[in-house]
Amino acid sequence: QVQLVESGGGLVQAGGSLRLSCAASGRTFSSYVMGWFRQAPGKEREFVATINRSGDNTYYADSVKGRFTISRDNAKNTVYLQMNSLKPEDTAVYFCAAGSASGGSLYRRTRLSEYDYWGQGTQVTVSS
């Protein structure tokens, strides 16, 4: 069982930056593929970024590539999402998720069904 708690959301102007954090409980954090997803009002939850267990391989949605960076610190049981050059269309609730190694791709896990545990989400609002 893994519990995930996101933090770091807030209100920022277009062009600004935010860093989201996701703290995980348990001693097996390094065994999970981690991902970030987001859900805007009236829209389905969508993939943002994923990182493999050791943290040396990442993959991004085209909409955030070059602006967002996912990273993890296995010693701190934490995954991060650095968001730069934010746009109003980035406004959404952001969720982190953990997936077991056997649940799908180890390097490009983009589907919601490939993740086993989810946080409660943190709101990011980008004003124009």
Foldseek 3Di string as FASTA:
>chain_A
DKAKAKDWADEEAAQAKIKMKIAIDDLCLLQWKKFKWWDAPPGDIFGAKIAASVFPAIDGDPVQPPFWDWGDDSVRRMIMIIGGRDDQVVWTWMKMFIAGPPQDDRHDDTDPSRTDDMYPTDTHGYHD
